[in-house]
Every structure is written in structure tokens, then in C-alpha cells.
Amino acid sequence: MLILAIGGIDKVTFVIGSFLIASMFFSLMRQTGRISIDTEVPSLMIALGTLMLMAKLLPLPLPHWIVKPGEPKP
């Protein structure tokens, strides 16, 4: 949540922040015995791929450090 709050919402922070939130959720489920590590890791990889696809398809802005000065924002 801190990454999204401090960095704002752009393509990179959306993926990283959401992935960390999903990782926390799956880690809690594994620690309480609801899922095994054999389920956690593939689920996290699927979640990461889905988040990356969503960041590509949603109209989120590029991070400020990617856009060159004087270049129009896409």
C-alpha cells in the first residue's frame, strides 16, 4: 500500500504494489495451513502475469522516470 501511496498509481507501481499485496495474502494463507507452497508459487506467478497484462491494457500513465523531458506523454 505504501508503494501506491507514495509513488502514485502508474504502470510500475500498480504491478509492484498489487503483487506485494497478493503475496501477503497468499503468505498468510500458507502460514495458516489453507494452501501449500506448491499452490502458492504458481498462483503468484499467474497473478503477476495478470497484473502485467492489466497494466498494459489499462490507461495508466508511464512513470515519470521513463518519459524523457520534452517528450509528450503517451
C-alpha atoms as a PDB file:
ATOM      1  CA  MET A   1       0.000   0.000   0.000  1.00  0.00           C
ATOM      2  CA  LEU A   2       2.905   2.326   0.748  1.00  0.00           C
ATOM      3  CA  ILE A   3       4.296   1.983  -2.786  1.00  0.00           C
ATOM      4  CA  LEU A   4       0.959   3.011  -4.258  1.00  0.00           C
ATOM      5  CA  ALA A   5       0.513   5.852  -1.754  1.00  0.00           C
ATOM      6  CA  ILE A   6       3.982   7.377  -2.152  1.00  0.00           C
ATOM      7  CA  GLY A   7       4.681   6.638  -5.813  1.00  0.00           C
ATOM      8  CA  GLY A   8       1.197   7.349  -7.101  1.00  0.00           C
ATOM      9  CA  ILE A   9      -0.510   4.985  -9.478  1.00  0.00           C
ATOM     10  CA  ASP A  10       1.326   4.321 -12.711  1.00  0.00           C
ATOM     11  CA  LYS A  11       2.143   1.190 -14.680  1.00  0.00           C
ATOM     12  CA  VAL A  12       5.087   0.130 -12.490  1.00  0.00           C
ATOM     13  CA  THR A  13       3.687   0.923  -9.048  1.00  0.00           C
ATOM     14  CA  PHE A  14       0.378  -0.719  -9.963  1.00  0.00           C
ATOM     15  CA  VAL A  15       2.112  -4.021 -10.715  1.00  0.00           C
ATOM     16  CA  ILE A  16       4.579  -3.935  -7.815  1.00  0.00           C
ATOM     17  CA  GLY A  17       2.131  -2.714  -5.177  1.00  0.00           C
ATOM     18  CA  SER A  18      -0.641  -5.093  -6.194  1.00  0.00           C
ATOM     19  CA  PHE A  19       1.802  -8.018  -6.383  1.00  0.00           C
ATOM     20  CA  LEU A  20       3.080  -7.324  -2.871  1.00  0.00           C
ATOM     21  CA  ILE A  21      -0.492  -7.198  -1.557  1.00  0.00           C
ATOM     22  CA  ALA A  22      -1.285 -10.520  -3.279  1.00  0.00           C
ATOM     23  CA  SER A  23       1.964 -12.013  -1.911  1.00  0.00           C
ATOM     24  CA  MET A  24       0.975 -11.019   1.604  1.00  0.00           C
ATOM     25  CA  PHE A  25      -2.449 -12.599   1.160  1.00  0.00           C
ATOM     26  CA  PHE A  26      -1.025 -15.892  -0.156  1.00  0.00           C
ATOM     27  CA  SER A  27       1.677 -15.939   2.529  1.00  0.00           C
ATOM     28  CA  LEU A  28      -0.954 -15.604   5.254  1.00  0.00           C
ATOM     29  CA  MET A  29      -2.964 -18.418   3.702  1.00  0.00           C
ATOM     30  CA  ARG A  30       0.127 -20.656   3.579  1.00  0.00           C
ATOM     31  CA  GLN A  31       1.102 -19.885   7.172  1.00  0.00           C
ATOM     32  CA  THR A  32      -2.379 -20.751   8.419  1.00  0.00           C
ATOM     33  CA  GLY A  33      -2.319 -24.041   6.514  1.00  0.00           C
ATOM     34  CA  ARG A  34      -5.029 -23.230   3.992  1.00  0.00           C
ATOM     35  CA  ILE A  35      -2.766 -23.684   0.936  1.00  0.00           C
ATOM     36  CA  SER A  36       0.600 -25.348   0.335  1.00  0.00           C
ATOM     37  CA  ILE A  37       3.747 -23.882  -1.189  1.00  0.00           C
ATOM     38  CA  ASP A  38       3.005 -25.979  -4.292  1.00  0.00           C
ATOM     39  CA  THR A  39      -0.124 -23.888  -4.787  1.00  0.00           C
ATOM     40  CA  GLU A  40       1.246 -20.540  -3.616  1.00  0.00           C
ATOM     41  CA  VAL A  41       4.105 -20.116  -6.083  1.00  0.00           C
ATOM     42  CA  PRO A  42       2.163 -20.915  -9.287  1.00  0.00           C
ATOM     43  CA  SER A  43      -0.722 -18.738  -8.089  1.00  0.00           C
ATOM     44  CA  LEU A  44       1.647 -15.828  -7.523  1.00  0.00           C
ATOM     45  CA  MET A  45       3.147 -16.243 -10.998  1.00  0.00           C
ATOM     46  CA  ILE A  46      -0.334 -16.245 -12.534  1.00  0.00           C
ATOM     47  CA  ALA A  47      -1.210 -13.144 -10.501  1.00  0.00           C
ATOM     48  CA  LEU A  48       1.978 -11.390 -11.661  1.00  0.00           C
ATOM     49  CA  GLY A  49       1.238 -12.154 -15.308  1.00  0.00           C
ATOM     50  CA  THR A  50      -2.340 -10.947 -14.912  1.00  0.00           C
ATOM     51  CA  LEU A  51      -1.190  -7.716 -13.255  1.00  0.00           C
ATOM     52  CA  MET A  52       1.329  -7.088 -16.031  1.00  0.00           C
ATOM     53  CA  LEU A  53      -1.381  -7.646 -18.653  1.00  0.00           C
ATOM     54  CA  MET A  54      -3.741  -5.306 -16.811  1.00  0.00           C
ATOM     55  CA  ALA A  55      -1.040  -2.623 -16.607  1.00  0.00           C
ATOM     56  CA  LYS A  56      -0.549  -2.908 -20.365  1.00  0.00           C
ATOM     57  CA  LEU A  57      -4.271  -2.729 -21.180  1.00  0.00           C
ATOM     58  CA  LEU A  58      -5.446  -0.145 -18.635  1.00  0.00           C
ATOM     59  CA  PRO A  59      -4.906   3.551 -19.404  1.00  0.00           C
ATOM     60  CA  LEU A  60      -2.330   4.019 -16.635  1.00  0.00           C
ATOM     61  CA  PRO A  61       0.388   6.653 -17.094  1.00  0.00           C
ATOM     62  CA  LEU A  62       4.044   5.779 -17.547  1.00  0.00           C
ATOM     63  CA  PRO A  63       6.316   6.538 -14.585  1.00  0.00           C
ATOM     64  CA  HIS A  64       7.941   9.964 -14.671  1.00  0.00           C
ATOM     65  CA  TRP A  65      11.431   8.425 -14.785  1.00  0.00           C
ATOM     66  CA  ILE A  66      10.672   6.659 -18.086  1.00  0.00           C
ATOM     67  CA  VAL A  67       9.348   9.675 -20.001  1.00  0.00           C
ATOM     68  CA  LYS A  68      12.159  11.848 -21.420  1.00  0.00           C
ATOM     69  CA  PRO A  69      11.968  15.606 -20.760  1.00  0.00           C
ATOM     70  CA  GLY A  70      10.315  17.470 -23.623  1.00  0.00           C
ATOM     71  CA  GLU A  71       8.740  14.285 -24.973  1.00  0.00           C
ATOM     72  CA  PRO A  72       4.922  14.173 -24.988  1.00  0.00           C
ATOM     73  CA  LYS A  73       3.351  11.720 -22.578  1.00  0.00           C
ATOM     74  CA  PRO A  74       1.639   8.805 -24.338  1.00  0.00           C
END
